[in-house]
């Protein structure tokens, strides 16, 4: 049970919801049951007891790995007056897909004794593992949008005034969420629709073009936002430089401002990075987590919208790429996820990266991804 409810924003009066940044009296995106979210926003974010499970290193920067729902984690941060400088989230896409990962059953404390017995009898690593759902990405659009609305409102409430948020989605639901973000953050605070392109084989019998891109919506909390363009410059194409020089020579302005070219250019809003791989160009191998995103994708986002010492948060942290990249780039980090898979994978990944952090658990009643019955059936 929640200890108390934390208002989303300090100027929220009892019984009054701040639902958008527009001079309007009703929600923008209309769909069945979209009024039901109003009651939860009015009530505030539920705050639960939070327990420390482990502290790795001295952790002077107060880095956190939190097991709990996004809403519960934001309530905790809000109550502690912790402000985040950059948010990247890769929430479920409402795609109807199930993602699975092999988890060694000996990690489940509820069946520890059975595992010890089984391991004396079973030699095969394959038999010692079982398929566990990371999450069932199965929603109807109405429930998904209400859930996203509440989460985005909670995230906004813990963002600093100069913070940005990057929301990673695909064609299933992205266009709906874009409208929600216009409502929550304001149309004027929309910065970019970033297209992440990647290659891959098509399926036999396809009757459409191969879908090989995701969409990332970048919004700032205000018009005064962080963008460190010098940290994300890329080299100009050689042919482009040659043509540019020729053009300047012909115009008589060959020396004017050409020294700026040495800094490179700000990248376009389409990014071509390979998907997370066992043999990536950046040398960072994937950790065999189904929804893992590539290192270079997070590196560009973090370098663009934060600098060393700033706090980067991922409330659907998955494999822990965001936290790990943030740590290696000298940022503070918060990793949050409801899945024990995610927490264990991220913990191991951060330790390997020599990061210092605190593992915490929100006592919000969420006990997903621990299924002793399924585990025992697999063992048998």
Protein backbone atom coordinates (compact mmCIF):
# COMPACT_ATOMS: atom_id res chain seq x y z
CA UNK A 1 0.00 0.00 0.00
CA UNK A 2 1.21 3.48 -0.82
CA UNK A 3 2.64 5.52 2.05
CA UNK A 4 1.20 8.69 0.54
CA UNK A 5 0.55 10.35 -2.81
CA UNK A 6 3.01 12.88 -4.19
CA UNK A 7 1.60 15.74 -6.34
CA UNK A 8 2.90 15.78 -9.90
CA UNK A 9 3.62 19.50 -9.73
CA UNK A 10 3.90 21.85 -6.73
CA UNK A 11 1.14 24.14 -7.93
CA UNK A 12 -1.37 21.31 -8.27
CA UNK A 13 -4.30 22.10 -6.01
CA UNK A 14 -6.29 19.35 -4.36
CA UNK A 15 -8.92 18.19 -6.81
CA UNK A 16 -7.29 19.98 -9.74
CA UNK A 17 -5.23 18.33 -12.49
CA UNK A 18 -2.64 20.00 -14.65
CA UNK A 19 -3.20 18.10 -17.87
CA UNK A 20 -1.48 20.11 -20.53
CA UNK A 21 0.50 23.21 -21.45
CA UNK A 22 -2.18 24.68 -23.69
CA UNK A 23 -4.89 27.21 -23.03
CA UNK A 24 -7.54 24.54 -23.30
CA UNK A 25 -10.03 22.99 -20.95
CA UNK A 26 -9.99 19.42 -22.28
CA UNK A 27 -7.58 16.80 -23.49
CA UNK A 28 -6.30 17.03 -27.05
CA UNK A 29 -6.18 13.39 -28.07
CA UNK A 30 -9.63 11.88 -27.67
CA UNK A 31 -10.24 8.15 -27.36
CA UNK A 32 -12.34 5.82 -25.27
CA UNK A 33 -11.80 6.18 -21.49
CA UNK A 34 -9.21 8.95 -21.82
CA UNK A 35 -11.03 10.79 -19.04
CA UNK A 36 -10.24 8.03 -16.54
CA UNK A 37 -6.63 9.13 -16.25
CA UNK A 38 -7.79 12.45 -14.76
CA UNK A 39 -8.62 10.86 -11.41
CA UNK A 40 -5.17 9.33 -11.06
CA UNK A 41 -3.43 12.58 -11.99
CA UNK A 42 -5.52 14.43 -9.42
CA UNK A 43 -4.63 11.90 -6.75
CA UNK A 44 -0.88 12.16 -7.37
CA UNK A 45 1.89 9.60 -7.72
CA UNK A 46 1.81 6.70 -5.23
CA UNK A 47 4.87 6.69 -2.96
CA UNK A 48 5.96 3.32 -1.58
CA UNK A 49 8.65 2.16 0.79
CA UNK A 50 12.02 1.79 -0.93
CA UNK A 51 14.63 -0.66 0.35
CA UNK A 52 18.34 -0.76 -0.44
CA UNK A 53 19.36 -4.22 -1.63
CA UNK A 54 23.05 -3.65 -2.31
CA UNK A 55 25.64 -0.89 -2.57
CA UNK A 56 28.43 -1.39 -5.11
CA UNK A 57 31.51 0.72 -4.34
CA UNK A 58 31.41 3.97 -2.38
CA UNK A 59 28.88 5.47 -4.82
CA UNK A 60 29.65 9.16 -4.12
CA UNK A 61 27.43 10.25 -7.05
CA UNK A 62 24.37 8.40 -5.69
CA UNK A 63 23.81 6.38 -8.85
CA UNK A 64 20.70 4.20 -8.60
CA UNK A 65 19.46 0.93 -10.05
CA UNK A 66 15.79 0.77 -9.07
CA UNK A 67 13.46 -2.18 -9.38
CA UNK A 68 9.96 -0.78 -9.63
CA UNK A 69 7.47 0.82 -11.96
CA UNK A 70 8.25 4.14 -13.64
CA UNK A 71 5.47 5.88 -11.71
CA UNK A 72 6.68 4.55 -8.35
CA UNK A 73 10.30 5.50 -9.09
CA UNK A 74 9.28 9.03 -10.08
CA UNK A 75 7.27 9.39 -6.86
CA UNK A 76 10.39 8.45 -4.89
CA UNK A 77 12.59 10.91 -6.82
CA UNK A 78 10.01 13.65 -6.46
CA UNK A 79 9.73 13.07 -2.71
CA UNK A 80 13.53 13.26 -2.39
CA UNK A 81 13.64 16.39 -4.60
CA UNK A 82 15.94 14.70 -7.13
CA UNK A 83 15.97 16.39 -10.53
CA UNK A 84 16.96 14.62 -13.75
CA UNK A 85 18.85 16.43 -16.55
CA UNK A 86 18.20 13.94 -19.37
CA UNK A 87 15.66 11.16 -19.86
CA UNK A 88 15.79 8.44 -22.48
CA UNK A 89 13.04 5.82 -22.45
CA UNK A 90 12.42 2.83 -24.67
CA UNK A 91 8.99 1.74 -23.40
CA UNK A 92 6.94 -1.16 -24.79
CA UNK A 93 5.85 -0.41 -28.33
CA UNK A 94 2.31 -1.82 -28.01
CA UNK A 95 3.35 -4.20 -30.75
CA UNK A 96 1.68 -7.38 -29.56
CA UNK A 97 5.08 -9.06 -29.34
CA UNK A 98 6.43 -11.17 -26.49
CA UNK A 99 10.09 -10.80 -25.65
CA UNK A 100 11.91 -13.62 -23.91
CA UNK A 101 15.32 -14.15 -22.38
CA UNK A 102 17.03 -17.14 -20.87
CA UNK A 103 17.41 -16.68 -17.13
CA UNK A 104 19.31 -19.15 -15.05
CA UNK A 105 16.82 -20.49 -12.55
CA UNK A 106 19.33 -20.62 -9.73
CA UNK A 107 18.96 -16.82 -9.49
CA UNK A 108 15.37 -17.20 -8.23
CA UNK A 109 15.55 -17.33 -4.42
CA UNK A 110 12.14 -19.01 -4.14
CA UNK A 111 13.43 -22.15 -5.80
CA UNK A 112 17.03 -22.01 -4.60
CA UNK A 113 16.83 -25.29 -2.73
CA UNK A 114 15.26 -27.09 -5.70
CA UNK A 115 17.96 -25.67 -7.96
CA UNK A 116 20.78 -26.92 -5.80
CA UNK A 117 19.28 -30.38 -5.98
CA UNK A 118 18.65 -30.15 -9.72
CA UNK A 119 22.18 -28.99 -10.50
CA UNK A 120 23.58 -32.13 -8.95
CA UNK A 121 21.53 -34.15 -11.42
CA UNK A 122 21.60 -32.05 -14.61
CA UNK A 123 24.74 -31.42 -16.66
CA UNK A 124 23.39 -29.43 -19.57
CA UNK A 125 23.39 -25.64 -19.34
CA UNK A 126 20.47 -25.66 -21.75
CA UNK A 127 18.39 -27.69 -19.31
CA UNK A 128 19.37 -25.39 -16.48
CA UNK A 129 17.87 -22.41 -18.26
CA UNK A 130 14.30 -21.54 -19.07
CA UNK A 131 12.45 -18.94 -21.11
CA UNK A 132 11.11 -16.10 -19.02
CA UNK A 133 9.00 -13.27 -20.37
CA UNK A 134 10.69 -9.89 -20.21
CA UNK A 135 7.35 -8.29 -20.75
CA UNK A 136 4.23 -9.06 -22.72
CA UNK A 137 3.96 -6.08 -25.02
CA UNK A 138 0.24 -6.65 -25.51
CA UNK A 139 -2.09 -3.67 -25.09
CA UNK A 140 -5.14 -2.07 -26.56
CA UNK A 141 -4.39 1.47 -27.66
CA UNK A 142 -6.64 3.14 -25.09
CA UNK A 143 -5.04 1.48 -22.07
CA UNK A 144 -1.58 1.97 -23.49
CA UNK A 145 -2.10 5.70 -24.08
CA UNK A 146 -3.52 6.25 -20.60
CA UNK A 147 -0.56 4.36 -19.14
CA UNK A 148 1.91 6.39 -21.21
CA UNK A 149 0.20 9.66 -20.34
CA UNK A 150 0.54 9.02 -16.62
CA UNK A 151 4.16 7.92 -16.97
CA UNK A 152 5.12 10.94 -19.08
CA UNK A 153 3.47 13.27 -16.60
CA UNK A 154 5.42 11.62 -13.78
CA UNK A 155 8.70 11.86 -15.69
CA UNK A 156 8.11 15.52 -16.49
CA UNK A 157 7.61 16.22 -12.79
CA UNK A 158 11.18 15.10 -11.98
CA UNK A 159 12.91 16.78 -14.94
CA UNK A 160 15.05 19.87 -14.35
CA UNK A 161 14.04 23.08 -16.11
CA UNK A 162 16.73 22.60 -18.79
CA UNK A 163 16.15 18.86 -19.21
CA UNK A 164 15.24 16.92 -22.34
CA UNK A 165 13.38 13.66 -22.90
CA UNK A 166 13.91 11.22 -25.79
CA UNK A 167 11.09 8.70 -26.28
CA UNK A 168 11.94 5.71 -28.48
CA UNK A 169 9.01 4.05 -30.31
CA UNK A 170 8.09 2.56 -33.66
CA UNK A 171 5.26 2.64 -36.18
CA UNK A 172 2.76 0.80 -33.99
CA UNK A 173 2.00 3.63 -31.57
CA UNK A 174 4.51 6.44 -32.12
CA UNK A 175 2.14 8.83 -33.92
CA UNK A 176 -0.33 8.67 -31.02
CA UNK A 177 2.36 9.25 -28.40
CA UNK A 178 3.64 12.25 -30.38
CA UNK A 179 0.27 13.94 -29.79
CA UNK A 180 0.41 13.10 -26.08
CA UNK A 181 3.86 14.66 -25.87
CA UNK A 182 2.64 17.79 -27.65
CA UNK A 183 0.01 18.02 -24.94
CA UNK A 184 2.28 17.29 -21.97
CA UNK A 185 5.46 19.14 -22.97
CA UNK A 186 4.01 21.67 -25.41
CA UNK A 187 4.27 21.84 -29.18
CA UNK A 188 6.85 24.62 -28.88
CA UNK A 189 9.17 22.32 -26.94
CA UNK A 190 9.31 19.68 -29.68
CA UNK A 191 12.91 19.55 -30.93
CA UNK A 192 13.31 16.63 -33.34
CA UNK A 193 11.74 13.52 -34.76
CA UNK A 194 14.85 11.34 -35.02
CA UNK A 195 14.78 8.33 -37.31
CA UNK A 196 17.10 5.48 -36.35
CA UNK A 197 17.79 3.41 -39.48
CA UNK A 198 19.26 -0.09 -39.52
CA UNK A 199 19.69 -2.93 -41.98
CA UNK A 200 18.25 -6.42 -41.85
CA UNK A 201 16.83 -9.20 -44.03
CA UNK A 202 13.18 -9.21 -45.04
CA UNK A 203 10.73 -12.03 -44.45
CA UNK A 204 9.72 -14.34 -47.33
CA UNK A 205 6.52 -13.29 -49.06
CA UNK A 206 6.63 -9.66 -47.90
CA UNK A 207 3.99 -7.42 -49.47
CA UNK A 208 5.39 -4.09 -48.26
CA UNK A 209 8.76 -2.35 -47.96
CA UNK A 210 11.02 -3.73 -45.27
CA UNK A 211 10.39 -1.94 -41.95
CA UNK A 212 13.85 -1.08 -40.68
CA UNK A 213 13.64 2.10 -38.64
CA UNK A 214 12.46 3.31 -35.24
CA UNK A 215 11.37 6.82 -34.24
CA UNK A 216 12.73 8.84 -31.32
CA UNK A 217 10.83 11.96 -30.25
CA UNK A 218 12.96 14.62 -28.56
CA UNK A 219 11.23 17.22 -26.39
CA UNK A 220 12.65 19.71 -23.93
CA UNK A 221 10.89 20.78 -20.74
CA UNK A 222 11.28 24.45 -21.63
CA UNK A 223 12.75 26.68 -24.31
CA UNK A 224 15.94 26.92 -22.22
CA UNK A 225 17.37 23.45 -22.78
CA UNK A 226 20.74 21.72 -23.01
CA UNK A 227 22.20 20.98 -26.43
CA UNK A 228 25.96 20.50 -26.57
CA UNK A 229 26.50 20.48 -30.32
CA UNK A 230 30.30 20.42 -29.96
CA UNK A 231 30.00 16.93 -28.42
CA UNK A 232 28.16 15.38 -31.37
CA UNK A 233 29.88 16.88 -34.42
CA UNK A 234 30.70 14.50 -37.24
CA UNK A 235 33.12 14.86 -40.14
CA UNK A 236 31.89 16.19 -43.46
CA UNK A 237 31.88 13.86 -46.42
CA UNK A 238 35.09 14.31 -48.44
CA UNK A 239 33.19 15.02 -51.64
CA UNK A 240 31.07 17.62 -49.85
CA UNK A 241 34.19 19.45 -48.66
CA UNK A 242 35.68 19.42 -52.16
CA UNK A 243 32.50 20.77 -53.71
CA UNK A 244 32.22 23.41 -50.99
CA UNK A 245 35.76 24.61 -51.64
CA UNK A 246 35.09 24.83 -55.37
CA UNK A 247 31.96 26.85 -54.73
CA UNK A 248 33.77 29.28 -52.46
CA UNK A 249 36.63 29.70 -54.89
CA UNK A 250 34.20 30.59 -57.63
CA UNK A 251 32.42 33.10 -55.43
CA UNK A 252 35.52 34.86 -54.14
CA UNK A 253 34.78 34.05 -50.47
CA UNK A 254 37.21 31.15 -50.03
CA UNK A 255 38.46 32.25 -46.60
CA UNK A 256 35.21 33.45 -45.05
CA UNK A 257 34.13 31.31 -42.07
CA UNK A 258 35.64 28.22 -43.68
CA UNK A 259 37.57 27.45 -40.48
CA UNK A 260 34.25 26.28 -38.97
CA UNK A 261 34.45 23.22 -41.20
CA UNK A 262 37.20 21.77 -39.04
CA UNK A 263 34.67 21.20 -36.27
CA UNK A 264 32.55 19.00 -38.50
CA UNK A 265 28.78 19.30 -38.75
CA UNK A 266 25.80 18.63 -36.52
CA UNK A 267 24.30 15.29 -37.64
CA UNK A 268 21.05 15.08 -39.57
CA UNK A 269 17.89 13.85 -37.84
CA UNK A 270 18.29 10.38 -39.33
CA UNK A 271 20.90 8.15 -37.75
CA UNK A 272 22.27 5.01 -39.29
CA UNK A 273 23.54 2.71 -36.53
CA UNK A 274 23.68 -1.06 -36.65
CA UNK A 275 21.46 -2.89 -34.19
CA UNK A 276 23.05 -4.25 -31.01
CA UNK A 277 25.31 -7.10 -32.10
CA UNK A 278 27.73 -9.66 -30.79
CA UNK A 279 30.37 -8.03 -33.02
CA UNK A 280 29.62 -4.28 -33.02
CA UNK A 281 31.85 -1.61 -34.50
CA UNK A 282 32.11 0.17 -31.13
CA UNK A 283 33.52 -2.93 -29.45
CA UNK A 284 30.66 -3.16 -26.94
CA UNK A 285 29.13 -6.60 -27.29
CA UNK A 286 25.44 -7.04 -26.58
CA UNK A 287 24.34 -8.91 -23.47
CA UNK A 288 21.79 -11.16 -25.16
CA UNK A 289 18.81 -9.06 -24.09
CA UNK A 290 16.04 -9.03 -26.68
CA UNK A 291 15.26 -5.30 -26.63
CA UNK A 292 18.84 -4.06 -26.22
CA UNK A 293 19.72 -0.89 -28.12
CA UNK A 294 23.15 -0.11 -29.63
CA UNK A 295 25.81 1.67 -27.62
CA UNK A 296 26.41 4.38 -30.24
CA UNK A 297 22.73 5.38 -30.31
CA UNK A 298 22.72 6.17 -26.57
CA UNK A 299 26.16 7.74 -26.77
CA UNK A 300 24.93 10.36 -29.25
CA UNK A 301 21.81 11.18 -27.24
CA UNK A 302 23.71 11.48 -23.95
CA UNK A 303 26.46 13.61 -25.47
CA UNK A 304 23.96 15.88 -27.22
CA UNK A 305 21.82 16.69 -24.18
CA UNK A 306 24.07 16.35 -21.13
CA UNK A 307 27.58 17.01 -19.93
CA UNK A 308 29.78 15.38 -17.31
CA UNK A 309 28.26 15.32 -13.85
CA UNK A 310 24.66 15.64 -15.07
CA UNK A 311 22.01 13.07 -14.12
CA UNK A 312 20.72 10.72 -16.87
CA UNK A 313 17.67 8.51 -16.25
CA UNK A 314 16.07 5.59 -18.07
CA UNK A 315 12.77 4.47 -16.53
CA UNK A 316 12.37 1.44 -18.83
CA UNK A 317 16.03 0.53 -18.56
CA UNK A 318 16.02 -2.95 -20.06
CA UNK A 319 19.56 -4.19 -20.64
CA UNK A 320 21.19 -1.20 -18.93
CA UNK A 321 22.78 0.39 -22.00
CA UNK A 322 21.74 3.91 -20.98
CA UNK A 323 23.17 3.63 -17.47
CA UNK A 324 26.39 2.01 -18.68
CA UNK A 325 27.04 4.57 -21.42
CA UNK A 326 26.19 7.40 -19.04
CA UNK A 327 28.64 6.06 -16.46
CA UNK A 328 31.45 5.66 -19.00
CA UNK A 329 30.85 9.22 -20.22
CA UNK A 330 31.13 10.61 -16.69
CA UNK A 331 27.43 11.21 -16.05
CA UNK A 332 25.42 10.18 -13.01
CA UNK A 333 22.66 7.69 -13.73
CA UNK A 334 19.34 6.19 -12.68
CA UNK A 335 18.28 2.85 -14.15
CA UNK A 336 14.71 1.76 -13.45
CA UNK A 337 12.81 -1.31 -14.58
CA UNK A 338 10.17 -3.65 -13.17
CA UNK A 339 11.89 -6.79 -14.44
CA UNK A 340 14.28 -8.80 -12.29
CA UNK A 341 15.94 -9.73 -15.59
CA UNK A 342 16.73 -6.09 -16.24
CA UNK A 343 18.06 -5.43 -12.74
CA UNK A 344 20.35 -8.47 -12.75
CA UNK A 345 21.61 -7.84 -16.28
CA UNK A 346 22.26 -4.16 -15.57
CA UNK A 347 23.94 -4.88 -12.24
CA UNK A 348 26.37 -7.28 -13.90
CA UNK A 349 26.97 -4.91 -16.79
CA UNK A 350 27.69 -1.94 -14.53
CA UNK A 351 30.05 -3.92 -12.33
CA UNK A 352 31.97 -4.98 -15.43
CA UNK A 353 32.13 -1.28 -16.41
CA UNK A 354 33.53 -0.49 -12.92
CA UNK A 355 30.57 1.73 -12.04
CA UNK A 356 29.47 2.47 -8.48
CA UNK A 357 25.77 2.40 -7.62
CA UNK A 358 23.02 1.41 -5.21
CA UNK A 359 20.51 -1.33 -6.01
CA UNK A 360 17.07 -0.42 -4.64
CA UNK A 361 13.65 -2.04 -4.66
CA UNK A 362 10.33 -0.21 -4.58
CA UNK A 363 7.80 -2.11 -2.48
CA UNK A 364 4.96 -1.33 -4.87
CA UNK A 365 3.61 -4.84 -5.10
CA UNK A 366 4.96 -5.52 -8.57
CA UNK A 367 6.29 -9.07 -8.67
CA UNK A 368 6.50 -9.70 -12.39
CA UNK A 369 9.02 -12.07 -13.92
CA UNK A 370 9.34 -14.26 -10.86
CA UNK A 371 7.33 -17.36 -11.63
CA UNK A 372 8.26 -20.35 -9.45
CA UNK A 373 5.53 -22.52 -11.02
CA UNK A 374 6.86 -21.96 -14.54
CA UNK A 375 10.38 -22.49 -13.25
CA UNK A 376 9.52 -25.79 -11.60
CA UNK A 377 7.62 -27.01 -14.68
CA UNK A 378 10.71 -26.31 -16.81
CA UNK A 379 12.93 -28.07 -14.31
CA UNK A 380 10.75 -31.16 -14.41
